[in-house]
């Protein structure tokens, strides 16, 4: 493996490791990014159009943040269980040895580069990890979506119950967040299609599409 391939492999390994660390996460990041970040955030837009006041926006942000904090240990346990399940499956089918799986589980995103450099795992192992992550996420997508919506709706229901929001305001927030998440999903889908057109390439030994997909995994937990 030449120097260029080692560099690309290391970067991809880090992205895969990040995904393995966060694979079981209920994607509150989608809710948070859609609801509260920046001028384009859902809550900011609802404040701009007069649906919410500044104080109400702050209350919703605080409630969402508190909910994520309360569930942090539970979500960490889910991530660990999902990671263990994925690695166990790869060992069971003979793609990885148990020692490789143990090394990956222990490495974390920083240590993955070392596993590639010292030959513990190779390109085929990375591709197998990527494929297993894709399968896991596809299989659990609907359940995770329902879990996100239930957690969000519970937060909004609490704010309605304590008089912070009206039901119509809560409904507007839920609808706007759903629309933002759907919009981001469409954008990711279009990017994925563009990436597929690079399959014939072999930049850095991985090819455009494969490397782009792994990078995407690193970007979303």
N, C-alpha and C. Protein backbone atom coordinates (compact mmCIF):
# COMPACT_ATOMS: atom_id res chain seq x y z
N UNK A 1 0.85 -1.20 0.00
CA UNK A 1 0.00 0.00 0.00
C UNK A 1 0.89 1.24 0.00
N UNK A 2 0.71 2.13 -0.98
CA UNK A 2 1.57 3.30 -1.04
C UNK A 2 1.11 4.37 -0.05
N UNK A 3 1.88 5.45 0.01
CA UNK A 3 1.63 6.47 1.03
C UNK A 3 0.24 7.09 0.86
N UNK A 4 -0.14 7.36 -0.41
CA UNK A 4 -1.45 7.97 -0.63
C UNK A 4 -2.57 7.08 -0.13
N UNK A 5 -2.43 5.78 -0.40
CA UNK A 5 -3.46 4.85 0.03
C UNK A 5 -3.53 4.77 1.54
N UNK A 6 -2.39 4.82 2.21
CA UNK A 6 -2.37 4.78 3.67
C UNK A 6 -3.10 5.98 4.25
N UNK A 7 -2.87 7.16 3.67
CA UNK A 7 -3.51 8.38 4.16
C UNK A 7 -5.02 8.29 4.00
N UNK A 8 -5.47 7.88 2.81
CA UNK A 8 -6.91 7.78 2.57
C UNK A 8 -7.53 6.71 3.44
N UNK A 9 -6.85 5.59 3.56
CA UNK A 9 -7.38 4.51 4.40
C UNK A 9 -7.51 4.97 5.85
N UNK A 10 -6.52 5.71 6.33
CA UNK A 10 -6.59 6.20 7.70
C UNK A 10 -7.76 7.14 7.91
N UNK A 11 -7.98 8.05 6.96
CA UNK A 11 -9.10 8.98 7.08
C UNK A 11 -10.43 8.25 7.06
N UNK A 12 -10.55 7.27 6.19
CA UNK A 12 -11.79 6.51 6.11
C UNK A 12 -12.01 5.69 7.36
N UNK A 13 -10.93 5.15 7.90
CA UNK A 13 -11.04 4.35 9.12
C UNK A 13 -11.57 5.20 10.26
N UNK A 14 -11.10 6.42 10.37
CA UNK A 14 -11.57 7.30 11.44
C UNK A 14 -13.06 7.55 11.27
N UNK A 15 -13.50 7.76 10.02
CA UNK A 15 -14.92 8.01 9.78
C UNK A 15 -15.75 6.79 10.16
N UNK A 16 -15.28 5.60 9.80
CA UNK A 16 -16.00 4.38 10.16
C UNK A 16 -16.06 4.23 11.67
N UNK A 17 -14.94 4.51 12.35
CA UNK A 17 -14.92 4.38 13.81
C UNK A 17 -15.89 5.35 14.46
N UNK A 18 -15.98 6.55 13.93
CA UNK A 18 -16.93 7.52 14.46
C UNK A 18 -18.34 6.98 14.35
N UNK A 19 -18.63 6.37 13.20
CA UNK A 19 -19.96 5.79 13.02
C UNK A 19 -20.20 4.64 13.99
N UNK A 20 -19.18 3.81 14.21
CA UNK A 20 -19.34 2.70 15.15
C UNK A 20 -19.60 3.20 16.55
N UNK A 21 -18.96 4.32 16.93
CA UNK A 21 -19.18 4.89 18.25
C UNK A 21 -20.60 5.41 18.38
N UNK A 22 -21.13 6.00 17.30
CA UNK A 22 -22.44 6.65 17.39
C UNK A 22 -23.58 5.91 16.73
N UNK A 23 -23.36 4.67 16.34
CA UNK A 23 -24.33 4.00 15.49
C UNK A 23 -25.69 3.81 16.13
N UNK A 24 -25.74 3.65 17.44
CA UNK A 24 -27.03 3.39 18.08
C UNK A 24 -27.75 4.63 18.52
N UNK A 25 -27.22 5.80 18.22
CA UNK A 25 -27.77 7.02 18.75
C UNK A 25 -29.15 7.32 18.19
N UNK A 26 -30.08 7.70 19.05
CA UNK A 26 -31.30 8.31 18.57
C UNK A 26 -30.89 9.67 18.05
N UNK A 27 -31.21 9.95 16.81
CA UNK A 27 -30.59 11.09 16.14
C UNK A 27 -31.21 12.39 16.57
N UNK A 28 -31.04 12.73 17.84
CA UNK A 28 -31.50 14.02 18.32
C UNK A 28 -30.75 15.13 17.64
N UNK A 29 -29.61 14.82 17.03
CA UNK A 29 -28.88 15.83 16.28
C UNK A 29 -29.73 16.38 15.15
N UNK A 30 -30.53 15.53 14.51
CA UNK A 30 -31.42 16.02 13.47
C UNK A 30 -32.44 16.98 14.05
N UNK A 31 -33.03 16.61 15.19
CA UNK A 31 -34.00 17.49 15.81
C UNK A 31 -33.34 18.79 16.22
N UNK A 32 -32.14 18.68 16.81
CA UNK A 32 -31.49 19.88 17.30
C UNK A 32 -31.08 20.78 16.16
N UNK A 33 -30.49 20.22 15.10
CA UNK A 33 -30.04 21.05 14.00
C UNK A 33 -31.22 21.67 13.29
N UNK A 34 -32.32 20.93 13.19
CA UNK A 34 -33.49 21.48 12.55
C UNK A 34 -34.21 22.47 13.42
N UNK A 35 -34.11 22.29 14.73
CA UNK A 35 -34.92 23.09 15.63
C UNK A 35 -34.23 24.36 16.10
N UNK A 36 -32.92 24.32 16.27
CA UNK A 36 -32.35 25.41 17.07
C UNK A 36 -31.11 26.09 16.54
N UNK A 37 -30.46 25.55 15.51
CA UNK A 37 -29.16 26.09 15.14
C UNK A 37 -29.25 27.14 14.05
N UNK A 38 -28.64 28.28 14.30
CA UNK A 38 -28.42 29.26 13.25
C UNK A 38 -29.68 29.98 12.81
N UNK A 39 -29.49 30.93 11.89
CA UNK A 39 -30.60 31.72 11.38
C UNK A 39 -31.62 30.85 10.66
N UNK A 40 -31.13 29.76 10.04
CA UNK A 40 -32.03 28.91 9.28
C UNK A 40 -32.72 27.86 10.12
N UNK A 41 -32.49 27.85 11.44
CA UNK A 41 -33.11 26.85 12.30
C UNK A 41 -34.62 27.00 12.34
N UNK A 42 -35.29 25.88 12.58
CA UNK A 42 -36.75 25.88 12.61
C UNK A 42 -37.29 26.86 13.64
N UNK A 43 -36.74 26.84 14.84
CA UNK A 43 -37.26 27.73 15.88
C UNK A 43 -37.04 29.19 15.53
N UNK A 44 -35.89 29.49 14.93
CA UNK A 44 -35.64 30.87 14.52
C UNK A 44 -36.65 31.32 13.49
N UNK A 45 -36.98 30.44 12.56
CA UNK A 45 -37.96 30.79 11.54
C UNK A 45 -39.34 30.99 12.14
N UNK A 46 -39.69 30.15 13.11
CA UNK A 46 -40.99 30.30 13.76
C UNK A 46 -41.04 31.58 14.60
N UNK A 47 -39.90 31.97 15.14
CA UNK A 47 -39.86 33.26 15.84
C UNK A 47 -40.01 34.40 14.85
N UNK A 48 -39.33 34.29 13.72
CA UNK A 48 -39.40 35.35 12.71
C UNK A 48 -40.82 35.55 12.18
N UNK A 49 -41.57 34.44 12.04
CA UNK A 49 -42.92 34.60 11.48
C UNK A 49 -43.98 34.86 12.56
N UNK A 50 -43.53 35.00 13.81
CA UNK A 50 -44.45 35.37 14.88
C UNK A 50 -45.16 34.21 15.56
N UNK A 51 -44.83 32.98 15.17
CA UNK A 51 -45.45 31.82 15.81
C UNK A 51 -44.98 31.66 17.25
N UNK A 52 -43.69 31.95 17.48
CA UNK A 52 -43.10 31.84 18.80
C UNK A 52 -42.45 33.16 19.20
N UNK A 53 -42.43 33.43 20.51
CA UNK A 53 -41.67 34.55 21.03
C UNK A 53 -40.24 34.10 21.32
N UNK A 54 -39.38 35.04 21.60
CA UNK A 54 -38.00 34.72 21.95
C UNK A 54 -37.94 33.85 23.21
N UNK A 55 -38.77 34.17 24.20
CA UNK A 55 -38.79 33.39 25.43
C UNK A 55 -39.26 31.96 25.17
N UNK A 56 -40.22 31.80 24.29
CA UNK A 56 -40.72 30.46 23.96
C UNK A 56 -39.67 29.65 23.22
N UNK A 57 -38.94 30.30 22.33
CA UNK A 57 -37.84 29.62 21.62
C UNK A 57 -36.82 29.11 22.63
N UNK A 58 -36.46 29.97 23.58
CA UNK A 58 -35.49 29.58 24.61
C UNK A 58 -36.01 28.40 25.44
N UNK A 59 -37.30 28.44 25.78
CA UNK A 59 -37.88 27.36 26.58
C UNK A 59 -37.84 26.03 25.82
N UNK A 60 -38.13 26.06 24.53
CA UNK A 60 -38.12 24.83 23.73
C UNK A 60 -36.69 24.29 23.63
N UNK A 61 -35.74 25.17 23.36
CA UNK A 61 -34.34 24.74 23.28
C UNK A 61 -33.88 24.12 24.59
N UNK A 62 -34.22 24.78 25.69
CA UNK A 62 -33.80 24.26 27.00
C UNK A 62 -34.43 22.91 27.28
N UNK A 63 -35.70 22.74 26.92
CA UNK A 63 -36.39 21.48 27.17
C UNK A 63 -35.81 20.35 26.32
N UNK A 64 -35.51 20.64 25.06
CA UNK A 64 -34.90 19.63 24.19
C UNK A 64 -33.51 19.24 24.70
N UNK A 65 -32.76 20.25 25.16
CA UNK A 65 -31.41 19.98 25.68
C UNK A 65 -31.49 19.13 26.95
N UNK A 66 -32.44 19.44 27.80
CA UNK A 66 -32.60 18.68 29.04
C UNK A 66 -32.98 17.23 28.74
N UNK A 67 -33.86 17.05 27.76
CA UNK A 67 -34.27 15.69 27.39
C UNK A 67 -33.09 14.88 26.88
N UNK A 68 -32.23 15.50 26.07
CA UNK A 68 -31.06 14.78 25.56
C UNK A 68 -30.10 14.44 26.69
N UNK A 69 -29.95 15.36 27.65
CA UNK A 69 -29.05 15.11 28.78
C UNK A 69 -29.57 13.96 29.64
N UNK A 70 -30.88 13.94 29.89
CA UNK A 70 -31.47 12.89 30.71
C UNK A 70 -31.30 11.52 30.08
N UNK A 71 -31.33 11.46 28.75
CA UNK A 71 -31.28 10.18 28.05
C UNK A 71 -29.87 9.79 27.63
N UNK A 72 -28.87 10.55 28.03
CA UNK A 72 -27.51 10.33 27.53
C UNK A 72 -26.99 8.94 27.88
N UNK A 73 -27.15 8.53 29.14
CA UNK A 73 -26.62 7.23 29.54
C UNK A 73 -27.35 6.09 28.83
N UNK A 74 -28.65 6.26 28.64
CA UNK A 74 -29.43 5.24 27.93
C UNK A 74 -28.96 5.13 26.48
N UNK A 75 -28.71 6.26 25.85
CA UNK A 75 -28.29 6.24 24.46
C UNK A 75 -26.87 5.69 24.31
N UNK A 76 -26.04 5.96 25.30
CA UNK A 76 -24.69 5.40 25.27
C UNK A 76 -24.75 3.87 25.34
N UNK A 77 -25.65 3.36 26.17
CA UNK A 77 -25.82 1.91 26.26
C UNK A 77 -26.32 1.35 24.93
N UNK A 78 -27.21 2.07 24.26
CA UNK A 78 -27.72 1.64 22.96
C UNK A 78 -26.59 1.62 21.93
N UNK A 79 -25.75 2.64 21.96
CA UNK A 79 -24.64 2.69 21.01
C UNK A 79 -23.70 1.51 21.21
N UNK A 80 -23.38 1.22 22.46
CA UNK A 80 -22.47 0.12 22.75
C UNK A 80 -23.07 -1.22 22.32
N UNK A 81 -24.36 -1.39 22.56
CA UNK A 81 -25.02 -2.64 22.18
C UNK A 81 -25.05 -2.79 20.67
N UNK A 82 -25.33 -1.70 19.96
CA UNK A 82 -25.39 -1.76 18.50
C UNK A 82 -24.01 -2.05 17.92
N UNK A 83 -23.00 -1.39 18.45
CA UNK A 83 -21.63 -1.62 17.97
C UNK A 83 -21.22 -3.07 18.20
N UNK A 84 -21.53 -3.58 19.39
CA UNK A 84 -21.19 -4.97 19.69
C UNK A 84 -21.92 -5.93 18.77
N UNK A 85 -23.17 -5.62 18.46
CA UNK A 85 -23.96 -6.48 17.58
C UNK A 85 -23.39 -6.50 16.17
N UNK A 86 -23.00 -5.34 15.66
CA UNK A 86 -22.43 -5.26 14.32
C UNK A 86 -21.13 -6.03 14.24
N UNK A 87 -20.26 -5.82 15.20
CA UNK A 87 -18.97 -6.51 15.19
C UNK A 87 -19.15 -8.01 15.38
N UNK A 88 -20.07 -8.41 16.25
CA UNK A 88 -20.32 -9.83 16.46
C UNK A 88 -20.81 -10.50 15.18
N UNK A 89 -21.65 -9.78 14.43
CA UNK A 89 -22.13 -10.31 13.17
C UNK A 89 -21.01 -10.52 12.17
N UNK A 90 -20.07 -9.58 12.12
CA UNK A 90 -18.95 -9.69 11.20
C UNK A 90 -18.01 -10.83 11.60
N UNK A 91 -17.89 -11.06 12.90
CA UNK A 91 -17.08 -12.19 13.36
C UNK A 91 -17.79 -13.50 13.03
N UNK A 92 -19.10 -13.55 13.27
CA UNK A 92 -19.86 -14.76 13.04
C UNK A 92 -19.80 -15.21 11.58
N UNK A 93 -19.81 -14.25 10.66
CA UNK A 93 -19.78 -14.60 9.25
C UNK A 93 -18.37 -14.79 8.71
N UNK A 94 -17.39 -14.60 9.57
CA UNK A 94 -16.00 -14.82 9.19
C UNK A 94 -15.31 -13.66 8.52
N UNK A 95 -15.97 -12.48 8.50
CA UNK A 95 -15.35 -11.30 7.89
C UNK A 95 -14.23 -10.74 8.75
N UNK A 96 -14.44 -10.75 10.06
CA UNK A 96 -13.42 -10.32 11.01
C UNK A 96 -13.11 -11.47 11.97
N UNK A 97 -11.91 -11.45 12.49
CA UNK A 97 -11.61 -12.35 13.59
C UNK A 97 -12.06 -11.69 14.89
N UNK A 98 -12.16 -12.48 15.94
CA UNK A 98 -12.56 -11.90 17.22
C UNK A 98 -11.53 -10.89 17.70
N UNK A 99 -10.26 -11.16 17.44
CA UNK A 99 -9.22 -10.22 17.88
C UNK A 99 -9.33 -8.90 17.11
N UNK A 100 -9.68 -8.96 15.83
CA UNK A 100 -9.88 -7.72 15.07
C UNK A 100 -11.07 -6.94 15.63
N UNK A 101 -12.17 -7.65 15.89
CA UNK A 101 -13.35 -6.99 16.43
C UNK A 101 -13.05 -6.34 17.78
N UNK A 102 -12.31 -7.05 18.62
CA UNK A 102 -11.94 -6.50 19.92
C UNK A 102 -11.07 -5.26 19.76
N UNK A 103 -10.16 -5.30 18.79
CA UNK A 103 -9.27 -4.16 18.55
C UNK A 103 -10.06 -2.95 18.07
N UNK A 104 -11.03 -3.18 17.18
CA UNK A 104 -11.86 -2.08 16.67
C UNK A 104 -12.69 -1.49 17.80
N UNK A 105 -13.30 -2.35 18.61
CA UNK A 105 -14.13 -1.87 19.72
C UNK A 105 -13.32 -1.04 20.70
N UNK A 106 -12.06 -1.41 20.90
CA UNK A 106 -11.22 -0.72 21.88
C UNK A 106 -10.56 0.53 21.32
N UNK A 107 -10.47 0.60 19.99
CA UNK A 107 -9.64 1.64 19.38
C UNK A 107 -10.24 3.03 19.49
N UNK A 108 -11.55 3.17 19.28
CA UNK A 108 -12.11 4.51 19.19
C UNK A 108 -11.68 5.15 17.89
N UNK A 109 -12.21 6.34 17.61
CA UNK A 109 -11.96 6.93 16.31
C UNK A 109 -10.50 7.32 16.11
N UNK A 110 -9.78 7.66 17.16
CA UNK A 110 -8.37 8.03 17.01
C UNK A 110 -7.51 6.79 16.75
N UNK A 111 -7.83 5.70 17.41
CA UNK A 111 -7.01 4.51 17.28
C UNK A 111 -7.20 3.74 15.98
N UNK A 112 -8.28 4.02 15.23
CA UNK A 112 -8.52 3.29 14.00
C UNK A 112 -7.40 3.50 12.99
N UNK A 113 -6.85 4.68 12.95
CA UNK A 113 -5.74 4.94 12.02
C UNK A 113 -4.57 3.99 12.30
N UNK A 114 -4.31 3.77 13.57
CA UNK A 114 -3.21 2.87 13.94
C UNK A 114 -3.51 1.43 13.52
N UNK A 115 -4.78 1.04 13.60
CA UNK A 115 -5.14 -0.32 13.20
C UNK A 115 -4.90 -0.54 11.71
N UNK A 116 -5.15 0.50 10.92
CA UNK A 116 -4.88 0.40 9.48
C UNK A 116 -3.38 0.39 9.23
N UNK A 117 -2.68 1.26 9.90
CA UNK A 117 -1.23 1.37 9.65
C UNK A 117 -0.47 0.12 10.07
N UNK A 118 -0.91 -0.51 11.17
CA UNK A 118 -0.16 -1.68 11.62
C UNK A 118 -0.67 -2.99 11.00
N UNK A 119 -1.66 -2.88 10.10
CA UNK A 119 -2.13 -4.06 9.38
C UNK A 119 -3.16 -4.89 10.10
N UNK A 120 -3.67 -4.39 11.24
CA UNK A 120 -4.70 -5.15 11.97
C UNK A 120 -5.96 -5.28 11.12
N UNK A 121 -6.33 -4.20 10.43
CA UNK A 121 -7.44 -4.23 9.49
C UNK A 121 -6.99 -3.64 8.17
N UNK A 122 -7.70 -4.00 7.08
CA UNK A 122 -7.33 -3.50 5.77
C UNK A 122 -8.54 -2.91 5.07
N UNK A 123 -8.36 -2.62 3.77
CA UNK A 123 -9.41 -2.00 2.99
C UNK A 123 -10.68 -2.85 2.98
N UNK A 124 -10.55 -4.15 2.80
CA UNK A 124 -11.72 -5.02 2.77
C UNK A 124 -12.47 -5.00 4.10
N UNK A 125 -11.72 -4.93 5.17
CA UNK A 125 -12.37 -4.86 6.49
C UNK A 125 -13.16 -3.57 6.63
N UNK A 126 -12.59 -2.46 6.14
CA UNK A 126 -13.28 -1.18 6.21
C UNK A 126 -14.57 -1.21 5.38
N UNK A 127 -14.48 -1.80 4.19
CA UNK A 127 -15.66 -1.89 3.35
C UNK A 127 -16.74 -2.75 4.01
N UNK A 128 -16.32 -3.81 4.68
CA UNK A 128 -17.28 -4.67 5.37
C UNK A 128 -17.94 -3.92 6.53
N UNK A 129 -17.16 -3.12 7.25
CA UNK A 129 -17.72 -2.31 8.32
C UNK A 129 -18.74 -1.32 7.77
N UNK A 130 -18.38 -0.68 6.66
CA UNK A 130 -19.27 0.29 6.04
C UNK A 130 -20.58 -0.37 5.63
N UNK A 131 -20.50 -1.53 4.99
CA UNK A 131 -21.69 -2.23 4.54
C UNK A 131 -22.56 -2.66 5.72
N UNK A 132 -21.93 -3.11 6.81
CA UNK A 132 -22.68 -3.52 7.99
C UNK A 132 -23.41 -2.33 8.62
N UNK A 133 -22.75 -1.17 8.62
CA UNK A 133 -23.39 0.03 9.14
C UNK A 133 -24.58 0.43 8.29
N UNK A 134 -24.42 0.36 6.97
CA UNK A 134 -25.53 0.69 6.07
C UNK A 134 -26.72 -0.23 6.35
N UNK A 135 -26.45 -1.52 6.47
CA UNK A 135 -27.52 -2.48 6.72
C UNK A 135 -28.21 -2.20 8.05
N UNK A 136 -27.39 -1.94 9.08
CA UNK A 136 -27.96 -1.68 10.41
C UNK A 136 -28.86 -0.45 10.37
N UNK A 137 -28.39 0.60 9.75
CA UNK A 137 -29.17 1.85 9.73
C UNK A 137 -30.44 1.69 8.91
N UNK A 138 -30.34 0.96 7.80
CA UNK A 138 -31.53 0.72 6.98
C UNK A 138 -32.57 -0.08 7.76
N UNK A 139 -32.12 -1.09 8.48
CA UNK A 139 -33.03 -1.95 9.24
C UNK A 139 -33.68 -1.21 10.40
N UNK A 140 -32.99 -0.23 10.95
CA UNK A 140 -33.48 0.46 12.15
C UNK A 140 -34.00 1.86 11.89
N UNK A 141 -34.04 2.26 10.61
CA UNK A 141 -34.41 3.64 10.29
C UNK A 141 -35.80 4.00 10.79
N UNK A 142 -36.79 3.17 10.51
CA UNK A 142 -38.16 3.50 10.90
C UNK A 142 -38.31 3.54 12.42
N UNK A 143 -37.67 2.58 13.09
CA UNK A 143 -37.76 2.56 14.56
C UNK A 143 -37.12 3.78 15.17
N UNK A 144 -35.97 4.19 14.63
CA UNK A 144 -35.29 5.37 15.16
C UNK A 144 -36.09 6.64 14.89
N UNK A 145 -36.70 6.71 13.72
CA UNK A 145 -37.53 7.87 13.39
C UNK A 145 -38.70 7.97 14.37
N UNK A 146 -39.34 6.85 14.63
CA UNK A 146 -40.46 6.85 15.58
C UNK A 146 -39.99 7.23 16.98
N UNK A 147 -38.80 6.76 17.36
CA UNK A 147 -38.27 7.08 18.68
C UNK A 147 -37.95 8.56 18.80
N UNK A 148 -37.37 9.14 17.75
CA UNK A 148 -37.08 10.58 17.77
C UNK A 148 -38.37 11.38 17.90
N UNK A 149 -39.37 11.00 17.12
CA UNK A 149 -40.62 11.75 17.14
C UNK A 149 -41.31 11.64 18.50
N UNK A 150 -41.26 10.45 19.09
CA UNK A 150 -41.89 10.26 20.40
C UNK A 150 -41.20 11.11 21.46
N UNK A 151 -39.86 11.15 21.42
CA UNK A 151 -39.11 11.94 22.40
C UNK A 151 -39.42 13.43 22.24
N UNK A 152 -39.43 13.87 20.99
CA UNK A 152 -39.74 15.28 20.72
C UNK A 152 -41.16 15.63 21.14
N UNK A 153 -42.10 14.75 20.79
CA UNK A 153 -43.50 15.03 21.12
C UNK A 153 -43.72 15.06 22.63
N UNK A 154 -42.97 14.23 23.36
CA UNK A 154 -43.08 14.24 24.82
C UNK A 154 -42.61 15.57 25.39
N UNK A 155 -41.52 16.10 24.83
CA UNK A 155 -41.02 17.41 25.26
C UNK A 155 -42.06 18.49 24.98
N UNK A 156 -42.60 18.48 23.78
CA UNK A 156 -43.59 19.51 23.41
C UNK A 156 -44.86 19.37 24.24
N UNK A 157 -45.28 18.13 24.50
CA UNK A 157 -46.47 17.92 25.33
C UNK A 157 -46.26 18.48 26.73
N UNK A 158 -45.05 18.31 27.27
CA UNK A 158 -44.75 18.86 28.58
C UNK A 158 -44.83 20.38 28.60
N UNK A 159 -44.37 21.00 27.52
CA UNK A 159 -44.42 22.46 27.43
C UNK A 159 -45.85 22.97 27.26
N UNK A 160 -46.68 22.19 26.61
CA UNK A 160 -48.11 22.55 26.52
C UNK A 160 -48.77 22.37 27.88
N UNK A 161 -48.43 21.27 28.55
CA UNK A 161 -49.04 20.97 29.85
C UNK A 161 -48.74 22.04 30.88
N UNK A 162 -47.50 22.58 30.84
CA UNK A 162 -47.15 23.59 31.85
C UNK A 162 -47.48 25.01 31.41
N UNK A 163 -48.12 25.14 30.25
CA UNK A 163 -48.58 26.46 29.80
C UNK A 163 -47.55 27.28 29.06
N UNK A 164 -46.38 26.70 28.81
CA UNK A 164 -45.35 27.43 28.08
C UNK A 164 -45.74 27.64 26.63
N UNK A 165 -46.33 26.60 26.02
CA UNK A 165 -46.78 26.65 24.63
C UNK A 165 -48.26 26.32 24.55
N UNK A 166 -48.88 26.80 23.47
CA UNK A 166 -50.22 26.32 23.14
C UNK A 166 -50.07 25.05 22.29
N UNK A 167 -51.18 24.31 22.18
CA UNK A 167 -51.12 23.10 21.35
C UNK A 167 -50.83 23.44 19.90
N UNK A 168 -51.37 24.55 19.42
CA UNK A 168 -51.12 24.94 18.03
C UNK A 168 -49.65 25.29 17.81
N UNK A 169 -49.02 25.89 18.80
CA UNK A 169 -47.59 26.18 18.68
C UNK A 169 -46.78 24.88 18.67
N UNK A 170 -47.13 23.95 19.54
CA UNK A 170 -46.43 22.66 19.57
C UNK A 170 -46.59 21.93 18.24
N UNK A 171 -47.80 21.97 17.69
CA UNK A 171 -48.03 21.32 16.40
C UNK A 171 -47.21 21.98 15.30
N UNK A 172 -47.10 23.30 15.35
CA UNK A 172 -46.32 24.02 14.34
C UNK A 172 -44.84 23.66 14.42
N UNK A 173 -44.34 23.51 15.64
CA UNK A 173 -42.92 23.13 15.82
C UNK A 173 -42.69 21.72 15.27
N UNK A 174 -43.56 20.77 15.63
CA UNK A 174 -43.40 19.39 15.16
C UNK A 174 -43.46 19.32 13.64
N UNK A 175 -44.41 20.03 13.06
CA UNK A 175 -44.54 20.02 11.60
C UNK A 175 -43.31 20.62 10.93
N UNK A 176 -42.82 21.73 11.48
CA UNK A 176 -41.66 22.40 10.89
C UNK A 176 -40.40 21.54 11.01
N UNK A 177 -40.22 20.86 12.15
CA UNK A 177 -39.06 19.98 12.32
C UNK A 177 -39.14 18.81 11.35
N UNK A 178 -40.33 18.22 11.21
CA UNK A 178 -40.49 17.10 10.27
C UNK A 178 -40.14 17.54 8.85
N UNK A 179 -40.59 18.74 8.49
CA UNK A 179 -40.32 19.24 7.14
C UNK A 179 -38.82 19.47 6.94
N UNK A 180 -38.14 20.00 7.97
CA UNK A 180 -36.71 20.25 7.86
C UNK A 180 -35.93 18.94 7.74
N UNK A 181 -36.31 17.94 8.53
CA UNK A 181 -35.63 16.65 8.46
C UNK A 181 -35.84 16.00 7.10
N UNK A 182 -37.08 16.10 6.58
CA UNK A 182 -37.36 15.54 5.25
C UNK A 182 -36.53 16.25 4.18
N UNK A 183 -36.40 17.56 4.32
CA UNK A 183 -35.61 18.34 3.37
C UNK A 183 -34.15 17.91 3.41
N UNK A 184 -33.62 17.72 4.60
CA UNK A 184 -32.22 17.30 4.72
C UNK A 184 -32.03 15.89 4.18
N UNK A 185 -33.05 15.03 4.39
CA UNK A 185 -32.97 13.68 3.84
C UNK A 185 -32.92 13.71 2.32
N UNK A 186 -33.71 14.59 1.70
CA UNK A 186 -33.70 14.72 0.25
C UNK A 186 -32.33 15.20 -0.23
N UNK A 187 -31.75 16.15 0.50
CA UNK A 187 -30.44 16.67 0.11
C UNK A 187 -29.37 15.61 0.20
N UNK A 188 -29.43 14.78 1.27
CA UNK A 188 -28.45 13.70 1.40
C UNK A 188 -28.63 12.66 0.31
N UNK A 189 -29.90 12.42 -0.08
CA UNK A 189 -30.16 11.47 -1.15
C UNK A 189 -29.57 11.94 -2.47
N UNK A 190 -29.69 13.23 -2.75
CA UNK A 190 -29.14 13.77 -3.99
C UNK A 190 -27.62 13.69 -3.99
N UNK A 191 -27.02 13.97 -2.84
CA UNK A 191 -25.57 13.86 -2.74
C UNK A 191 -25.12 12.44 -2.94
N UNK A 192 -25.89 11.48 -2.38
CA UNK A 192 -25.55 10.07 -2.56
C UNK A 192 -25.58 9.65 -4.01
N UNK A 193 -26.57 10.14 -4.76
CA UNK A 193 -26.65 9.80 -6.18
C UNK A 193 -25.47 10.36 -6.94
N UNK A 194 -25.06 11.57 -6.59
CA UNK A 194 -23.89 12.14 -7.26
C UNK A 194 -22.65 11.33 -6.94
N UNK A 195 -22.56 10.82 -5.68
CA UNK A 195 -21.41 10.02 -5.30
C UNK A 195 -21.34 8.72 -6.07
N UNK A 196 -22.50 8.13 -6.38
CA UNK A 196 -22.51 6.86 -7.09
C UNK A 196 -21.90 6.97 -8.47
N UNK A 197 -21.96 8.14 -9.07
CA UNK A 197 -21.38 8.31 -10.39
C UNK A 197 -19.87 8.23 -10.37
N UNK A 198 -19.28 8.26 -9.16
CA UNK A 198 -17.82 8.18 -9.07
C UNK A 198 -17.31 6.78 -8.84
N UNK A 199 -18.16 5.76 -8.98
CA UNK A 199 -17.75 4.39 -8.67
C UNK A 199 -16.60 3.91 -9.54
N UNK A 200 -16.49 4.43 -10.76
CA UNK A 200 -15.43 3.95 -11.62
C UNK A 200 -14.07 4.50 -11.22
N UNK A 201 -14.07 5.54 -10.39
CA UNK A 201 -12.80 6.12 -9.98
C UNK A 201 -12.08 5.24 -8.98
N UNK A 202 -10.79 5.49 -8.81
CA UNK A 202 -10.02 4.71 -7.84
C UNK A 202 -9.07 5.64 -7.11
N UNK A 203 -9.60 6.79 -6.71
CA UNK A 203 -8.74 7.77 -6.05
C UNK A 203 -8.30 7.24 -4.70
N UNK A 204 -7.02 7.20 -4.51
CA UNK A 204 -6.50 6.75 -3.23
C UNK A 204 -6.79 5.29 -2.97
N UNK A 205 -7.21 4.53 -3.99
CA UNK A 205 -7.41 3.11 -3.82
C UNK A 205 -8.79 2.74 -3.33
N UNK A 206 -9.69 3.74 -3.08
CA UNK A 206 -11.01 3.42 -2.57
C UNK A 206 -12.10 3.65 -3.59
N UNK A 207 -11.93 4.60 -4.50
CA UNK A 207 -13.03 4.94 -5.40
C UNK A 207 -13.90 6.02 -4.81
N UNK A 208 -14.44 6.90 -5.67
CA UNK A 208 -15.18 8.05 -5.19
C UNK A 208 -16.38 7.71 -4.34
N UNK A 209 -17.22 6.81 -4.81
CA UNK A 209 -18.47 6.55 -4.10
C UNK A 209 -18.23 5.92 -2.74
N UNK A 210 -17.37 4.94 -2.68
CA UNK A 210 -17.16 4.24 -1.41
C UNK A 210 -16.61 5.18 -0.36
N UNK A 211 -15.64 5.98 -0.72
CA UNK A 211 -15.03 6.89 0.23
C UNK A 211 -16.02 7.95 0.69
N UNK A 212 -16.84 8.45 -0.26
CA UNK A 212 -17.84 9.46 0.10
C UNK A 212 -18.84 8.89 1.09
N UNK A 213 -19.25 7.63 0.88
CA UNK A 213 -20.21 7.02 1.79
C UNK A 213 -19.66 6.90 3.19
N UNK A 214 -18.41 6.47 3.30
CA UNK A 214 -17.80 6.32 4.62
C UNK A 214 -17.72 7.66 5.31
N UNK A 215 -17.36 8.71 4.57
CA UNK A 215 -17.28 10.04 5.15
C UNK A 215 -18.64 10.48 5.68
N UNK A 216 -19.69 10.17 4.92
CA UNK A 216 -21.03 10.50 5.38
C UNK A 216 -21.35 9.82 6.70
N UNK A 217 -20.93 8.57 6.87
CA UNK A 217 -21.18 7.89 8.12
C UNK A 217 -20.53 8.63 9.27
N UNK A 218 -19.33 9.14 9.04
CA UNK A 218 -18.66 9.87 10.09
C UNK A 218 -19.35 11.15 10.47
N UNK A 219 -20.11 11.71 9.50
CA UNK A 219 -20.74 13.00 9.76
C UNK A 219 -22.01 12.86 10.56
N UNK A 220 -22.66 11.68 10.56
CA UNK A 220 -23.92 11.50 11.28
C UNK A 220 -23.79 10.34 12.24
N UNK A 221 -24.10 10.58 13.50
CA UNK A 221 -24.11 9.53 14.45
C UNK A 221 -25.40 8.83 14.51
